[in-house]
């Protein structure tokens, strides 16, 4: 019987078109080959595919060319310094005068005055035991500037720079016994130089001292001393500084014992303002119900980080941030008609860990029975305040809150101008108001004019945003620097 024996299958040799990529190339190559045996529809499809591939390559080549042309334009220019000077000692702080003529440097062993035009040191005040860590300035005109410094030991000093001379006016927290000295944590001054405020700490307690400076009297005394004393004089005995008020962190308001609105009116100073924080008709039970209703309504917005532990509540605030406010508000304030527009009439502040922005009037006299000042205006917020900024006219107060919230208060009308939620999860740590549309020239303008505000804020994670807020709740947030 004949038997057909089948041999084993032969493995073909590897071809040049074994890979997937080569298969694609072979496919397109086969389409490009003219094959008269293919039907008309296949030849049309092949032609369309070839045109599509050619168009795609042209678009890609054109985009790469545009990208190469734009690369030189995107390069950040590098600026070289036109002048250079060696800073004296270890410089910790630097500030410029409003007129731009001088730079004031705080460093080890004192402070120096630098001419901004020549970058040369024109005057110095030296003390081997002093290292100035912060310095602020207020320009008074006629080459006169007030300088406020704080050194590494927490000692605050007040200087005056007059006719290129430096005079030490006063050591704010000077005491004979060093163990009883109050430590100055921060010293702020108003733009006009009429008022100053120092955050003081001692034995675990903290408070804010607000001062008024007799500028007109000081200028006359300096002119008299300038004619009789030499330029080497570094100390000047001028009129004393006036301590206006000592502000302590406010306590949580307790329930009132007043029974009727008539009793509340009798307790007010002029019988015209109710609910200013000095007198109210809210019982303890109402405070508890209000707090419970607020937490229930906004529970999803309240983060656990904003809830203070009992230990933190017992310790209390450790510092405060303040801003001087000029005449721009909507409240009727006694004595404001006699105040100049650039002279502050109030100071607003918030304590660390607090939800409330407090405002105190500067032009009213405190009664002896009410020596401890109470806030005249209270601006409540839903979250803890982390940072703040004010506009140039001080009409708008911008607050950065916990939970990536930004609230802009309008002092003229007394309500939030805008509420903005910042994307991301980084806590807001710094804000700066950059741009403000032109306000009407008439300060008494009360029409529907709503300016546009622009501010830049940074977060602790390094993200930076530009926020534009307009009238009617129109807001726009743009990420300048993102964190991934």
Protein backbone atom coordinates (compact mmCIF):
# COMPACT_ATOMS: atom_id res chain seq x y z
CA UNK A 1 0.00 0.00 0.00
CA UNK A 2 1.34 3.28 -0.96
CA UNK A 3 1.70 5.60 2.08
CA UNK A 4 2.06 9.34 1.76
CA UNK A 5 4.33 10.67 4.51
CA UNK A 6 3.82 14.38 5.31
CA UNK A 7 6.90 16.19 6.41
CA UNK A 8 6.91 18.76 9.28
CA UNK A 9 5.83 22.32 8.58
CA UNK A 10 8.65 24.57 7.60
CA UNK A 11 9.06 27.83 9.61
CA UNK A 12 9.31 30.73 7.18
CA UNK A 13 12.27 33.03 7.40
CA UNK A 14 11.70 36.41 9.10
CA UNK A 15 10.65 39.04 6.63
CA UNK A 16 11.25 42.77 6.61
CA UNK A 17 7.58 43.43 7.45
CA UNK A 18 7.22 41.49 10.69
CA UNK A 19 6.68 44.35 13.14
CA UNK A 20 3.44 46.20 13.64
CA UNK A 21 5.01 49.49 12.67
CA UNK A 22 6.40 48.00 9.47
CA UNK A 23 2.98 46.53 8.72
CA UNK A 24 1.53 50.04 8.80
CA UNK A 25 4.28 51.29 6.53
CA UNK A 26 3.62 48.39 4.14
CA UNK A 27 -0.08 49.19 4.16
CA UNK A 28 0.45 52.80 3.16
CA UNK A 29 3.13 51.79 0.70
CA UNK A 30 0.80 49.33 -0.94
CA UNK A 31 -1.86 52.00 -1.20
CA UNK A 32 0.55 54.27 -2.99
CA UNK A 33 1.34 51.69 -5.61
CA UNK A 34 -0.85 51.98 -8.66
CA UNK A 35 -2.75 48.78 -9.06
CA UNK A 36 -5.05 48.63 -12.00
CA UNK A 37 -6.57 45.46 -10.60
CA UNK A 38 -8.05 47.42 -7.62
CA UNK A 39 -11.62 48.66 -7.98
CA UNK A 40 -12.33 52.33 -8.53
CA UNK A 41 -13.57 52.88 -4.95
CA UNK A 42 -10.29 51.52 -3.48
CA UNK A 43 -8.20 53.84 -5.67
CA UNK A 44 -10.30 56.86 -4.56
CA UNK A 45 -9.86 55.95 -0.90
CA UNK A 46 -6.13 55.53 -1.40
CA UNK A 47 -5.89 58.96 -2.98
CA UNK A 48 -7.88 60.58 -0.17
CA UNK A 49 -5.68 58.98 2.47
CA UNK A 50 -2.54 60.20 0.74
CA UNK A 51 -3.89 63.75 0.59
CA UNK A 52 -4.88 63.56 4.28
CA UNK A 53 -1.41 62.41 5.34
CA UNK A 54 0.27 65.12 3.28
CA UNK A 55 -1.98 67.82 4.78
CA UNK A 56 -1.28 66.59 8.32
CA UNK A 57 2.48 66.73 7.74
CA UNK A 58 2.18 70.26 6.36
CA UNK A 59 0.23 71.41 9.42
CA UNK A 60 2.75 69.82 11.80
CA UNK A 61 5.68 71.39 9.96
CA UNK A 62 4.00 74.79 10.01
CA UNK A 63 3.31 74.61 13.76
CA UNK A 64 6.89 73.61 14.52
CA UNK A 65 8.14 76.55 12.47
CA UNK A 66 5.89 78.97 14.37
CA UNK A 67 7.08 77.48 17.65
CA UNK A 68 10.72 77.93 16.68
CA UNK A 69 10.06 81.55 15.69
CA UNK A 70 8.33 82.30 19.02
CA UNK A 71 11.05 80.80 21.22
CA UNK A 72 13.33 83.87 21.12
CA UNK A 73 10.40 86.14 22.05
CA UNK A 74 9.52 84.01 25.08
CA UNK A 75 12.92 84.32 26.66
CA UNK A 76 12.83 86.33 29.91
CA UNK A 77 15.13 89.35 29.64
CA UNK A 78 17.96 89.55 32.14
CA UNK A 79 18.55 93.02 33.56
CA UNK A 80 21.98 93.97 34.77
CA UNK A 81 22.40 96.39 37.66
CA UNK A 82 23.40 99.91 36.60
CA UNK A 83 24.81 100.74 40.02
CA UNK A 84 26.02 98.72 42.96
CA UNK A 85 26.90 99.50 46.54
CA UNK A 86 28.00 97.48 49.53
CA UNK A 87 25.35 97.31 52.25
CA UNK A 88 26.47 98.24 55.75
CA UNK A 89 26.69 95.24 58.07
CA UNK A 90 23.94 92.63 57.96
CA UNK A 91 20.92 94.40 56.51
CA UNK A 92 17.62 93.00 57.82
CA UNK A 93 15.09 95.52 56.50
CA UNK A 94 14.87 98.20 53.82
CA UNK A 95 12.15 100.76 53.05
CA UNK A 96 11.84 103.65 50.61
CA UNK A 97 10.41 107.09 51.33
CA UNK A 98 7.21 108.12 49.57
CA UNK A 99 9.05 110.80 47.58
CA UNK A 100 11.61 108.21 46.42
CA UNK A 101 14.61 110.31 47.48
CA UNK A 102 15.93 108.08 50.25
CA UNK A 103 16.32 104.44 51.23
CA UNK A 104 16.33 103.58 54.94
CA UNK A 105 18.21 100.45 55.96
CA UNK A 106 17.94 98.63 59.28
CA UNK A 107 20.99 96.51 60.06
CA UNK A 108 23.38 95.49 62.79
CA UNK A 109 24.61 98.39 64.94
CA UNK A 110 21.92 100.83 63.79
CA UNK A 111 20.32 102.27 60.67
CA UNK A 112 21.53 104.13 57.57
CA UNK A 113 20.07 106.66 55.14
CA UNK A 114 20.94 106.05 51.48
CA UNK A 115 20.43 108.57 48.68
CA UNK A 116 18.51 106.76 45.94
CA UNK A 117 20.02 108.90 43.17
CA UNK A 118 23.68 108.33 44.03
CA UNK A 119 23.43 105.17 46.21
CA UNK A 120 25.68 106.76 48.79
CA UNK A 121 25.20 106.76 52.56
CA UNK A 122 24.31 110.28 53.73
CA UNK A 123 23.70 109.62 57.43
CA UNK A 124 23.84 106.79 59.99
CA UNK A 125 22.68 106.17 63.53
CA UNK A 126 24.86 103.65 65.35
CA UNK A 127 24.64 101.66 68.54
CA UNK A 128 26.85 98.62 69.06
CA UNK A 129 24.20 96.85 71.15
CA UNK A 130 21.36 97.23 68.65
CA UNK A 131 20.39 95.10 65.65
CA UNK A 132 17.35 96.52 63.87
CA UNK A 133 15.11 93.83 62.37
CA UNK A 134 12.24 95.91 60.93
CA UNK A 135 11.78 99.53 59.84
CA UNK A 136 8.84 101.58 58.53
CA UNK A 137 8.67 105.13 57.23
CA UNK A 138 6.19 108.03 56.88
CA UNK A 139 7.02 111.07 54.76
CA UNK A 140 6.09 114.49 56.18
CA UNK A 141 7.37 116.69 53.34
CA UNK A 142 10.30 119.13 53.21
CA UNK A 143 12.83 116.26 53.41
CA UNK A 144 11.38 115.12 56.76
CA UNK A 145 10.55 111.51 57.51
CA UNK A 146 9.44 109.58 60.58
CA UNK A 147 11.19 106.24 61.10
CA UNK A 148 9.88 103.46 63.32
CA UNK A 149 12.21 100.58 64.13
CA UNK A 150 12.11 97.35 66.14
CA UNK A 151 15.32 95.55 67.12
CA UNK A 152 16.04 91.91 67.90
CA UNK A 153 15.35 92.49 71.61
CA UNK A 154 11.82 93.77 70.95
CA UNK A 155 12.62 97.44 71.63
CA UNK A 156 10.73 99.99 69.50
CA UNK A 157 12.29 103.34 68.67
CA UNK A 158 10.98 106.47 66.97
CA UNK A 159 13.36 108.52 64.81
CA UNK A 160 12.96 111.62 62.66
CA UNK A 161 15.05 112.24 59.55
CA UNK A 162 15.19 116.00 59.03
CA UNK A 163 17.58 117.91 56.74
CA UNK A 164 19.73 114.77 56.33
CA UNK A 165 20.09 114.41 60.11
CA UNK A 166 18.75 111.55 62.24
CA UNK A 167 17.28 112.34 65.67
CA UNK A 168 16.12 109.76 68.20
CA UNK A 169 12.78 111.01 69.55
CA UNK A 170 11.67 108.25 71.89
CA UNK A 171 12.16 104.64 72.90
CA UNK A 172 8.56 103.43 73.00
CA UNK A 173 8.90 100.62 75.56
CA UNK A 174 11.78 102.01 77.60
CA UNK A 175 11.85 100.96 81.29
CA UNK A 176 14.42 101.19 84.03
CA UNK A 177 13.97 97.54 85.01
CA UNK A 178 14.68 95.30 82.01
CA UNK A 179 12.66 92.47 83.56
CA UNK A 180 9.51 94.59 83.41
CA UNK A 181 9.96 95.68 79.81
CA UNK A 182 7.20 94.99 77.35
CA UNK A 183 8.27 93.29 74.12
CA UNK A 184 7.25 94.97 70.86
CA UNK A 185 6.34 92.40 68.20
CA UNK A 186 5.26 94.83 65.46
CA UNK A 187 5.15 98.58 64.84
CA UNK A 188 2.88 100.09 62.18
CA UNK A 189 2.47 103.72 61.14
CA UNK A 190 -0.20 105.50 59.10
CA UNK A 191 0.67 106.94 55.70
CA UNK A 192 0.34 110.52 56.97
CA UNK A 193 2.47 109.82 60.05
CA UNK A 194 -0.16 111.09 62.52
CA UNK A 195 -0.82 107.72 64.15
CA UNK A 196 1.17 104.64 65.04
CA UNK A 197 0.38 101.30 66.63
CA UNK A 198 2.58 98.78 68.41
CA UNK A 199 1.74 95.17 69.25
CA UNK A 200 3.05 94.54 72.77
CA UNK A 201 3.50 91.27 74.65
CA UNK A 202 4.32 90.64 78.29
CA UNK A 203 3.96 87.56 80.52
CA UNK A 204 1.83 85.70 77.99
CA UNK A 205 -0.62 88.57 77.36
CA UNK A 206 -0.84 90.63 74.20
CA UNK A 207 -2.39 94.02 73.42
CA UNK A 208 -2.19 96.90 70.93
CA UNK A 209 -1.03 100.40 71.86
CA UNK A 210 -2.25 103.18 69.56
CA UNK A 211 -0.31 106.48 69.57
CA UNK A 212 -0.87 109.93 68.13
CA UNK A 213 2.12 112.06 67.13
CA UNK A 214 2.04 115.89 67.34
CA UNK A 215 3.60 116.44 63.92
CA UNK A 216 2.99 120.19 63.67
CA UNK A 217 4.63 120.79 67.05
CA UNK A 218 7.56 118.53 66.17
CA UNK A 219 8.24 120.34 62.89
CA UNK A 220 8.41 123.71 64.65
CA UNK A 221 10.68 122.29 67.34
CA UNK A 222 12.96 120.73 64.72
CA UNK A 223 13.32 124.02 62.86
CA UNK A 224 14.32 125.71 66.09
CA UNK A 225 16.82 123.00 66.99
CA UNK A 226 18.26 122.97 63.47
CA UNK A 227 19.39 126.56 63.86
CA UNK A 228 21.03 126.03 67.27
CA UNK A 229 22.48 122.50 67.17
CA UNK A 230 25.13 120.83 65.04
CA UNK A 231 24.60 118.08 62.52
CA UNK A 232 26.21 115.54 64.83
CA UNK A 233 23.33 115.71 67.31
CA UNK A 234 21.53 112.35 67.39
CA UNK A 235 19.03 112.91 70.21
CA UNK A 236 16.21 115.46 70.21
CA UNK A 237 13.92 116.22 73.13
CA UNK A 238 10.61 116.88 71.46
CA UNK A 239 7.04 116.96 72.73
CA UNK A 240 5.90 113.62 74.15
CA UNK A 241 3.98 110.99 72.24
CA UNK A 242 0.27 110.69 73.07
CA UNK A 243 -1.06 107.22 73.95
CA UNK A 244 -4.64 107.13 72.62
CA UNK A 245 -5.84 103.69 73.61
CA UNK A 246 -4.79 100.24 74.71
CA UNK A 247 -6.73 97.56 72.83
CA UNK A 248 -6.92 94.03 74.21
CA UNK A 249 -8.27 90.96 72.40
CA UNK A 250 -12.06 91.08 72.78
CA UNK A 251 -13.89 88.47 74.77
CA UNK A 252 -16.84 86.51 73.44
CA UNK A 253 -19.94 88.70 74.00
CA UNK A 254 -22.15 87.43 76.77
CA UNK A 255 -25.91 87.53 76.93
CA UNK A 256 -27.42 90.83 77.98
CA UNK A 257 -29.47 91.46 81.09
CA UNK A 258 -31.37 94.32 79.47
CA UNK A 259 -35.08 93.67 79.11
CA UNK A 260 -36.31 96.28 76.60
CA UNK A 261 -35.05 98.43 73.69
CA UNK A 262 -35.54 101.58 75.78
CA UNK A 263 -32.92 100.34 78.25
CA UNK A 264 -30.54 99.72 75.35
CA UNK A 265 -31.03 103.29 74.06
CA UNK A 266 -30.32 104.68 77.51
CA UNK A 267 -27.00 102.78 77.65
CA UNK A 268 -25.73 104.06 74.29
CA UNK A 269 -23.60 107.19 74.10
CA UNK A 270 -25.86 109.25 71.80
CA UNK A 271 -28.96 107.07 71.65
CA UNK A 272 -28.60 106.54 67.90
CA UNK A 273 -26.63 103.31 67.39
CA UNK A 274 -27.83 99.86 68.42
CA UNK A 275 -25.84 96.70 67.80
CA UNK A 276 -22.43 98.37 67.59
CA UNK A 277 -20.99 95.88 70.04
CA UNK A 278 -21.24 98.14 73.08
CA UNK A 279 -24.89 97.45 73.84
CA UNK A 280 -27.22 94.82 72.45
CA UNK A 281 -30.41 92.97 73.25
CA UNK A 282 -29.25 89.40 72.62
CA UNK A 283 -29.62 86.80 75.36
CA UNK A 284 -27.27 83.91 76.04
CA UNK A 285 -29.84 81.46 74.67
CA UNK A 286 -29.99 83.39 71.39
CA UNK A 287 -26.19 83.27 71.05
CA UNK A 288 -26.26 79.49 71.46
CA UNK A 289 -29.09 79.04 68.95
CA UNK A 290 -27.35 81.27 66.42
CA UNK A 291 -24.08 79.33 66.71
CA UNK A 292 -25.87 75.97 66.34
CA UNK A 293 -27.84 77.16 63.29
CA UNK A 294 -24.70 78.51 61.64
CA UNK A 295 -22.75 75.28 62.10
CA UNK A 296 -25.65 73.20 60.79
CA UNK A 297 -26.08 75.36 57.68
CA UNK A 298 -22.41 75.66 56.73
CA UNK A 299 -21.05 72.35 58.03
CA UNK A 300 -19.77 71.28 54.59
CA UNK A 301 -17.79 74.52 54.27
CA UNK A 302 -16.25 74.37 57.73
CA UNK A 303 -12.95 72.52 57.76
CA UNK A 304 -11.57 70.76 60.80
CA UNK A 305 -8.44 72.92 60.65
CA UNK A 306 -10.46 76.04 61.44
CA UNK A 307 -11.85 74.58 64.69
CA UNK A 308 -9.64 75.59 67.60
CA UNK A 309 -8.86 73.11 70.34
CA UNK A 310 -9.69 74.02 73.96
CA UNK A 311 -5.98 74.48 74.63
CA UNK A 312 -5.65 76.97 71.76
CA UNK A 313 -8.71 78.85 72.98
CA UNK A 314 -7.18 79.10 76.43
CA UNK A 315 -3.90 80.42 75.07
CA UNK A 316 -5.62 83.20 73.12
CA UNK A 317 -4.31 85.17 70.13
CA UNK A 318 -0.59 85.81 69.83
CA UNK A 319 -0.55 88.69 67.33
CA UNK A 320 -2.78 91.01 65.34
CA UNK A 321 -2.80 92.69 61.93
CA UNK A 322 -4.00 96.28 61.57
CA UNK A 323 -4.78 98.89 58.90
CA UNK A 324 -5.38 102.61 59.27
CA UNK A 325 -8.54 103.84 57.52
CA UNK A 326 -9.20 107.32 56.13
CA UNK A 327 -12.55 109.06 55.71
CA UNK A 328 -14.35 106.80 53.27
CA UNK A 329 -16.92 104.96 55.35
CA UNK A 330 -20.67 105.27 55.42
CA UNK A 331 -21.01 105.75 59.17
CA UNK A 332 -21.71 109.12 60.76
CA UNK A 333 -18.74 109.71 63.01
CA UNK A 334 -18.35 112.56 65.44
CA UNK A 335 -15.49 114.89 64.59
CA UNK A 336 -14.90 113.52 61.09
CA UNK A 337 -15.89 116.83 59.44
CA UNK A 338 -12.81 118.49 60.91
CA UNK A 339 -10.48 115.70 59.80
CA UNK A 340 -8.45 115.94 56.65
CA UNK A 341 -9.01 113.25 54.04
CA UNK A 342 -5.52 111.77 54.32
CA UNK A 343 -5.56 111.62 58.13
CA UNK A 344 -6.88 108.31 59.50
CA UNK A 345 -10.14 108.37 61.41
CA UNK A 346 -10.19 104.68 62.39
CA UNK A 347 -8.05 101.60 62.71
CA UNK A 348 -9.28 98.11 61.78
CA UNK A 349 -7.61 94.98 63.08
CA UNK A 350 -8.06 91.24 63.52
CA UNK A 351 -6.45 88.90 66.01
CA UNK A 352 -4.94 85.57 65.04
CA UNK A 353 -7.52 82.80 65.16
CA UNK A 354 -10.45 85.22 65.02
CA UNK A 355 -13.37 85.38 62.55
CA UNK A 356 -14.17 89.06 63.17
CA UNK A 357 -12.66 92.26 61.78
CA UNK A 358 -12.85 95.04 64.40
CA UNK A 359 -12.87 98.79 63.79
CA UNK A 360 -12.01 101.46 66.37
CA UNK A 361 -12.49 105.20 65.92
CA UNK A 362 -9.44 107.40 66.52
CA UNK A 363 -11.12 110.81 66.76
CA UNK A 364 -13.31 110.24 69.79
CA UNK A 365 -12.35 110.77 73.42
CA UNK A 366 -12.70 107.86 75.80
CA UNK A 367 -14.62 108.37 79.00
CA UNK A 368 -12.93 107.66 82.30
CA UNK A 369 -15.53 105.00 83.17
CA UNK A 370 -14.91 103.32 79.81
CA UNK A 371 -11.12 103.34 79.75
CA UNK A 372 -10.98 100.02 77.88
CA UNK A 373 -12.06 100.73 74.30
CA UNK A 374 -14.67 98.60 72.60
CA UNK A 375 -15.01 98.10 68.84
CA UNK A 376 -17.28 100.62 67.12
CA UNK A 377 -17.85 98.41 64.07
CA UNK A 378 -17.64 94.63 63.77
CA UNK A 379 -17.31 92.84 60.40
CA UNK A 380 -18.20 89.13 60.90
CA UNK A 381 -16.84 86.36 58.67
CA UNK A 382 -17.69 82.70 58.31
CA UNK A 383 -14.10 81.46 58.54
CA UNK A 384 -10.89 82.30 60.35
CA UNK A 385 -9.02 85.31 58.93
CA UNK A 386 -5.55 84.46 57.59
CA UNK A 387 -4.44 87.67 55.84
CA UNK A 388 -5.81 91.08 54.84
CA UNK A 389 -5.24 94.10 52.59
CA UNK A 390 -6.92 97.47 51.98
CA UNK A 391 -7.36 99.62 48.89
CA UNK A 392 -5.54 102.93 48.45
CA UNK A 393 -8.69 104.88 49.40
CA UNK A 394 -9.33 102.38 52.25
CA UNK A 395 -12.91 101.94 51.05
CA UNK A 396 -12.42 98.21 50.39
CA UNK A 397 -11.04 95.72 52.90
CA UNK A 398 -9.93 92.37 51.45
CA UNK A 399 -9.77 89.35 53.76
CA UNK A 400 -8.23 85.96 52.99
CA UNK A 401 -10.13 83.33 54.97
CA UNK A 402 -9.56 79.70 55.79
CA UNK A 403 -10.94 77.31 53.19
CA UNK A 404 -9.60 79.27 50.17
CA UNK A 405 -12.20 82.02 50.59
CA UNK A 406 -11.71 85.71 49.80
CA UNK A 407 -14.17 88.34 51.05
CA UNK A 408 -14.09 91.99 49.97
CA UNK A 409 -15.93 94.37 52.35
CA UNK A 410 -17.25 97.72 51.14
CA UNK A 411 -16.97 100.28 53.98
CA UNK A 412 -19.16 102.80 52.21
CA UNK A 413 -22.25 100.60 52.18
CA UNK A 414 -21.30 98.08 54.86
CA UNK A 415 -21.81 94.81 52.96
CA UNK A 416 -19.59 92.24 51.19
CA UNK A 417 -18.59 93.57 47.76
CA UNK A 418 -17.54 90.11 46.51
CA UNK A 419 -17.03 86.56 47.78
CA UNK A 420 -14.54 84.44 45.83
CA UNK A 421 -13.48 80.79 46.16
CA UNK A 422 -9.86 80.17 45.18
CA UNK A 423 -9.15 76.79 43.50
CA UNK A 424 -6.75 74.32 45.03
CA UNK A 425 -6.13 73.30 48.62
CA UNK A 426 -3.41 75.74 49.70
CA UNK A 427 -4.13 78.21 52.50
CA UNK A 428 -3.97 81.88 51.47
CA UNK A 429 -1.01 83.56 53.12
CA UNK A 430 -0.51 86.92 51.37
CA UNK A 431 -2.54 89.38 49.29
CA UNK A 432 -1.80 92.62 47.43
CA UNK A 433 -4.35 94.96 45.85
CA UNK A 434 -2.82 96.00 42.53
CA UNK A 435 -5.39 97.82 40.42
CA UNK A 436 -8.46 99.86 41.13
CA UNK A 437 -10.61 101.57 38.52
CA UNK A 438 -10.87 105.34 38.81
CA UNK A 439 -13.21 106.43 41.59
CA UNK A 440 -15.40 109.52 41.25
CA UNK A 441 -13.76 112.79 42.26
CA UNK A 442 -16.61 113.73 44.59
CA UNK A 443 -16.07 112.00 47.97
CA UNK A 444 -19.78 112.31 48.76
CA UNK A 445 -20.74 110.34 45.66
CA UNK A 446 -23.30 107.73 46.69
CA UNK A 447 -24.53 106.55 43.27
CA UNK A 448 -24.43 103.02 41.84
CA UNK A 449 -20.79 103.34 40.78
CA UNK A 450 -19.05 100.00 41.33
CA UNK A 451 -15.31 99.98 40.62
CA UNK A 452 -13.31 97.00 39.43
CA UNK A 453 -10.67 95.64 41.81
CA UNK A 454 -7.73 93.42 40.95
CA UNK A 455 -5.61 91.65 43.53
CA UNK A 456 -2.81 89.09 43.53
CA UNK A 457 -2.65 86.44 46.23
CA UNK A 458 -0.24 83.66 47.06
CA UNK A 459 -0.83 80.38 48.91
CA UNK A 460 1.39 78.42 51.24
CA UNK A 461 1.90 75.72 48.63
CA UNK A 462 3.46 78.27 46.24
CA UNK A 463 0.45 78.83 43.97
CA UNK A 464 -0.25 82.40 42.84
CA UNK A 465 -3.54 83.76 41.48
CA UNK A 466 -4.82 86.99 39.97
CA UNK A 467 -8.38 87.84 40.99
CA UNK A 468 -10.54 90.51 39.35
CA UNK A 469 -13.77 91.52 41.10
CA UNK A 470 -16.33 93.86 39.58
CA UNK A 471 -19.77 95.12 40.40
CA UNK A 472 -22.68 92.74 40.44
CA UNK A 473 -20.62 89.78 41.64
CA UNK A 474 -18.59 89.42 38.43
CA UNK A 475 -15.28 87.74 39.31
CA UNK A 476 -12.45 86.17 37.33
CA UNK A 477 -9.62 84.07 38.77
CA UNK A 478 -6.47 83.32 36.74
CA UNK A 479 -3.65 81.05 37.92
CA UNK A 480 -0.28 82.81 37.54
CA UNK A 481 1.79 80.06 39.14
CA UNK A 482 0.25 76.62 39.61
CA UNK A 483 1.27 73.78 41.92
CA UNK A 484 0.83 70.24 40.63
